[in-house]
Protein backbone atom coordinates (compact mmCIF):
# COMPACT_ATOMS: atom_id res chain seq x y z
CA MET A 1 -28.22 16.21 -23.52
CA LEU A 2 -26.92 16.42 -20.03
CA LYS A 3 -29.58 18.34 -18.73
CA THR A 4 -31.78 15.57 -20.11
CA LEU A 5 -30.10 13.02 -18.30
CA ASP A 6 -29.67 14.81 -15.25
CA SER A 7 -33.83 15.23 -15.22
CA ALA A 8 -33.84 11.08 -15.57
CA LEU A 9 -31.47 10.37 -12.56
CA ALA A 10 -33.61 12.70 -10.77
CA LEU A 11 -36.86 10.67 -11.46
CA LEU A 12 -34.44 7.40 -10.58
CA THR A 13 -33.65 8.70 -7.17
CA ARG A 14 -37.26 9.17 -6.34
CA PHE A 15 -37.40 5.07 -5.58
CA THR A 16 -36.57 4.91 -2.44
CA LEU A 17 -36.86 2.13 0.91
CA GLU A 18 -39.96 4.62 1.93
CA GLU A 19 -41.51 4.70 -1.57
CA PRO A 20 -40.05 1.52 -3.55
CA THR A 21 -43.10 1.67 -6.33
CA TRP A 22 -44.29 4.52 -8.67
CA GLY A 23 -46.88 4.84 -11.14
CA VAL A 24 -46.47 7.33 -14.08
CA ARG A 25 -48.94 10.24 -13.48
CA GLU A 26 -48.19 9.70 -9.70
CA LEU A 27 -44.62 10.51 -10.06
CA ALA A 28 -45.61 13.21 -12.48
CA LYS A 29 -47.42 15.04 -10.08
CA GLU A 30 -44.74 14.42 -7.02
CA THR A 31 -41.93 16.02 -9.38
CA ASP A 32 -43.63 18.52 -11.34
CA VAL A 33 -42.90 16.86 -14.55
CA HIS A 34 -45.38 16.28 -17.29
CA HIS A 35 -46.80 12.77 -17.53
CA SER A 36 -45.55 12.11 -21.16
CA ILE A 37 -41.76 12.84 -20.35
CA VAL A 38 -41.96 10.77 -17.01
CA HIS A 39 -43.46 7.76 -19.09
CA ARG A 40 -40.51 7.74 -21.50
CA VAL A 41 -38.19 7.79 -18.85
CA LEU A 42 -39.46 4.87 -17.11
CA ALA A 43 -40.19 3.32 -20.14
CA THR A 44 -36.52 3.63 -21.39
CA PHE A 45 -35.22 2.73 -18.02
CA ALA A 46 -37.38 -0.54 -18.16
CA ALA A 47 -36.11 -1.27 -21.43
CA ASN A 48 -32.53 -1.17 -20.03
CA GLY A 49 -33.04 -3.14 -17.01
CA PHE A 50 -32.95 -0.34 -14.11
CA LEU A 51 -36.55 -0.70 -13.81
CA ILE A 52 -39.12 -3.50 -14.09
CA GLN A 53 -43.48 -2.65 -14.49
CA ASP A 54 -45.74 -4.90 -12.88
CA SER A 55 -49.15 -5.61 -14.30
CA ALA A 56 -50.52 -2.58 -12.86
CA GLY A 57 -47.91 -0.30 -14.48
CA ARG A 58 -46.56 0.36 -11.76
CA TYR A 59 -42.40 0.87 -11.76
CA SER A 60 -40.18 -0.79 -9.12
CA LEU A 61 -36.09 -1.06 -9.25
CA GLY A 62 -34.52 -3.88 -11.48
CA LEU A 63 -31.92 -6.50 -11.08
CA ARG A 64 -29.55 -4.38 -13.02
CA LEU A 65 -29.44 -1.35 -10.49
CA PHE A 66 -29.10 -4.67 -8.03
CA GLU A 67 -25.95 -5.43 -10.41
CA LEU A 68 -24.80 -2.33 -9.87
CA GLY A 69 -25.27 -2.12 -6.26
CA GLN A 70 -23.50 -5.16 -5.38
CA ILE A 71 -20.53 -3.49 -7.21
CA ALA A 72 -20.81 -0.32 -5.72
CA HIS A 73 -20.89 -2.12 -2.41
CA ARG A 74 -18.12 -4.43 -3.07
CA THR A 75 -15.92 -1.01 -3.85
CA PHE A 76 -16.99 0.90 -0.83
CA ALA A 77 -16.72 -1.75 2.01
CA PRO A 78 -15.44 -5.31 0.69
CA SER A 79 -17.61 -7.66 2.36
CA GLU A 80 -15.20 -10.44 3.21
CA ILE A 81 -13.39 -7.81 5.32
CA VAL A 82 -16.33 -5.60 6.77
CA GLN A 83 -19.13 -8.05 7.61
CA PRO A 84 -16.80 -10.64 9.92
CA ALA A 85 -15.59 -7.19 11.84
CA LEU A 86 -18.87 -6.26 12.30
CA ASP A 87 -20.67 -9.77 13.05
CA ALA A 88 -17.88 -9.77 15.94
CA LEU A 89 -18.50 -6.37 16.97
CA ALA A 90 -22.02 -7.22 17.64
CA HIS A 91 -21.46 -10.79 19.13
CA ASP A 92 -19.19 -9.28 21.70
CA SER A 93 -21.61 -5.83 22.25
CA GLY A 94 -24.89 -8.17 22.25
CA GLU A 95 -25.98 -5.34 20.21
CA THR A 96 -26.60 -3.79 16.42
CA VAL A 97 -23.54 -3.06 14.38
CA PHE A 98 -24.14 -1.17 11.41
CA LEU A 99 -21.69 1.00 8.88
CA SER A 100 -22.66 4.13 7.68
CA LEU A 101 -21.13 6.53 4.59
CA LEU A 102 -21.81 9.89 3.68
CA ASP A 103 -23.48 10.56 0.63
CA GLY A 104 -24.24 14.21 -0.61
CA MET A 105 -25.94 15.41 2.81
CA GLN A 106 -27.08 12.47 3.87
CA GLY A 107 -25.69 9.16 5.43
CA VAL A 108 -26.65 5.63 4.08
CA CYS A 109 -26.67 2.66 5.63
CA THR A 110 -24.19 0.00 3.97
CA ASP A 111 -23.63 -3.00 6.09
CA ILE A 112 -25.30 -4.40 9.24
CA ALA A 113 -24.71 -7.00 11.80
CA GLN A 114 -27.52 -7.55 13.75
CA SER A 115 -28.07 -8.35 17.44
CA GLN A 116 -29.31 -11.48 18.47
CA GLN A 117 -31.34 -10.30 21.50
CA GLN A 118 -34.92 -9.90 21.28
CA LEU A 119 -35.07 -6.12 22.08
CA ARG A 120 -32.98 -4.75 19.46
CA PHE A 121 -32.39 -1.60 17.20
CA SER A 122 -33.62 -2.11 13.53
CA ILE A 123 -32.08 -0.11 10.58
CA GLU A 124 -32.02 -1.77 6.92
CA VAL A 125 -29.19 -1.51 4.28
CA GLY A 126 -29.78 1.07 1.96
CA GLN A 127 -31.90 3.07 4.72
CA ARG A 128 -30.83 6.95 4.63
CA PHE A 129 -31.12 9.46 7.42
CA ARG A 130 -30.62 12.61 7.90
CA LEU A 131 -27.19 14.08 9.82
CA ILE A 132 -28.74 16.15 12.56
CA ALA A 133 -29.64 12.99 14.79
CA GLY A 134 -28.33 10.31 16.31
CA ALA A 135 -24.98 9.13 16.94
CA HIS A 136 -24.49 7.78 13.66
CA ALA A 137 -25.31 10.76 11.91
CA LYS A 138 -23.22 13.43 14.63
CA ALA A 139 -20.17 11.50 14.07
CA ILE A 140 -20.07 12.11 10.28
CA LEU A 141 -21.48 15.94 11.04
CA ALA A 142 -19.28 16.82 13.58
CA PHE A 143 -16.10 16.66 11.01
CA GLN A 144 -17.62 18.36 8.12
CA PRO A 145 -16.80 21.96 7.33
CA ASP A 146 -18.66 24.74 8.51
CA GLU A 147 -20.38 25.32 5.30
CA PHE A 148 -21.71 21.91 4.83
CA ARG A 149 -23.07 21.89 8.35
CA ALA A 150 -24.94 25.25 7.48
CA ALA A 151 -26.27 23.87 4.27
CA VAL A 152 -27.72 20.49 6.15
CA TYR A 153 -29.14 22.46 8.97
CA GLN A 154 -31.23 24.99 6.17
CA GLU A 155 -32.32 21.66 4.33
CA ALA A 156 -33.79 20.10 7.54
CA HIS A 157 -35.12 23.59 8.30
CA LEU A 158 -33.59 24.53 11.45
CA SER A 159 -33.61 28.15 12.29
CA ASP A 160 -30.73 27.91 14.91
CA GLY A 161 -27.88 25.26 14.88
CA SER A 162 -26.64 26.40 17.81
CA ALA A 163 -27.31 23.65 20.14
CA ILE A 164 -26.35 21.21 17.68
CA ASP A 165 -23.09 22.96 16.99
CA ALA A 166 -22.45 22.65 20.87
CA ARG A 167 -22.97 18.81 20.79
CA LEU A 168 -20.92 18.41 17.77
CA ASP A 169 -17.91 20.31 19.67
CA GLN A 170 -18.23 18.21 22.46
CA VAL A 171 -18.16 14.78 19.66
CA ARG A 172 -14.76 16.56 17.97
CA ALA A 173 -13.34 16.91 21.18
CA ASP A 174 -14.35 13.42 22.61
CA GLY A 175 -13.77 11.44 19.01
CA TRP A 176 -16.74 9.70 19.29
CA SER A 177 -20.67 10.40 19.58
CA HIS A 178 -23.02 9.03 22.43
CA THR A 179 -27.01 9.88 21.92
CA ARG A 180 -29.84 8.78 23.89
CA GLU A 181 -33.35 8.74 22.26
CA GLU A 182 -32.35 11.24 19.39
CA ALA A 183 -32.83 8.84 16.23
CA ALA A 184 -35.99 6.75 18.05
CA ALA A 185 -37.52 6.85 21.28
CA THR A 186 -36.26 4.27 23.73
CA VAL A 187 -32.77 3.69 21.94
CA ALA A 188 -29.14 4.82 22.54
CA GLY A 189 -26.42 5.08 20.23
CA LEU A 190 -22.74 5.17 20.19
CA ALA A 191 -20.47 5.96 17.00
CA VAL A 192 -16.99 6.78 15.75
CA PRO A 193 -15.96 8.54 13.07
CA LEU A 194 -14.54 6.49 9.86
CA TRP A 195 -11.95 8.61 8.02
CA SER A 196 -10.46 8.61 4.12
CA ARG A 197 -7.49 6.73 3.41
CA ASP A 198 -5.57 10.35 3.64
CA ARG A 199 -7.00 11.30 6.93
CA ARG A 200 -8.24 14.57 5.43
CA ARG A 201 -12.27 13.65 5.43
CA VAL A 202 -14.57 11.85 7.40
CA ILE A 203 -16.83 9.75 4.91
CA GLY A 204 -18.89 7.57 7.38
CA SER A 205 -19.24 6.16 10.93
CA LEU A 206 -18.99 2.86 12.67
CA SER A 207 -22.27 2.50 15.39
CA ILE A 208 -23.53 0.20 18.16
CA ALA A 209 -27.11 1.34 18.75
CA GLY A 210 -29.88 -0.55 21.22
CA PRO A 211 -32.04 0.21 24.24
CA VAL A 212 -31.18 3.01 26.36
CA GLN A 213 -30.71 0.87 29.58
CA ARG A 214 -28.38 -1.05 27.73
CA LEU A 215 -25.94 1.35 26.47
CA ASP A 216 -25.54 3.97 29.21
CA GLY A 217 -23.22 4.05 31.95
CA GLU A 218 -20.30 1.69 32.57
CA ALA A 219 -21.26 0.02 29.09
CA VAL A 220 -20.18 3.46 26.96
CA PRO A 221 -16.10 3.38 27.71
CA ARG A 222 -16.17 -0.32 26.86
CA LEU A 223 -18.15 -0.62 23.94
CA ILE A 224 -16.04 3.03 22.70
CA GLU A 225 -12.98 0.99 23.09
CA ALA A 226 -14.53 -1.93 20.72
CA LEU A 227 -15.52 0.33 18.18
CA LYS A 228 -12.34 1.84 17.61
CA LYS A 229 -10.76 -1.59 17.71
CA THR A 230 -13.14 -2.64 14.69
CA ARG A 231 -12.71 0.84 13.08
CA GLU A 232 -8.95 0.06 12.86
CA THR A 233 -9.87 -2.93 10.71
CA ILE A 234 -12.25 -1.73 8.32
CA GLU A 235 -11.47 1.73 7.94
CA PRO A 236 -8.48 0.74 5.42
CA VAL A 237 -10.90 -0.70 3.09
CA VAL A 238 -13.73 1.36 3.79
CA GLY A 239 -11.83 4.41 3.10
CA LEU A 240 -9.74 2.94 -0.04
CA LEU A 241 -11.21 4.96 -3.04
CA ARG A 242 -12.54 7.77 -1.28
């Protein structure tokens, strides 16, 4: 029973921002699961509102998952506290501000306040990212156990993580991360880690991202202080149940 449930949920996790729709045979080929099994699983999810099927027979996520997602979002990052804090920081910094939480060996963007400038960094709620590139990623990875970092390097097919480890040592020493053109060309990022309520684990990061020319030099100390101040507001509620 549990093995069947695990297999079914594994199929559900294939629905991502990058690949939001799947046909039965297409998903079967991708996962190496027999198409009849994939068909039954997807049809069951659809019957319960977790998926919807279009006229061409392709499946996408349903409103039941959206409903559960809203509940999860309010649990992990209460919007009445988090969003105003992010909006204020985006207004004061002039850049895009976003909150990310650790999920498995990846980060997930959960909340955003967009920059109002024409040239700005773009990220979407629900977007996943590896933990090896970008200030938002390194602010999380730097504070994870050695075994966790080794597993992240292995998943990313890095034969030698020593160069990243050296950067992460600096992140731990500083208490914040600053990167230039790691996650995307012409983009710089600044981020601070978010700690759990018991202060034992880093569970995410709070980040500012924008064009390299605007997030460098004299701007860095001012923006880091702004990030730390905003963290004081959101960290107690973001870490409430983690």
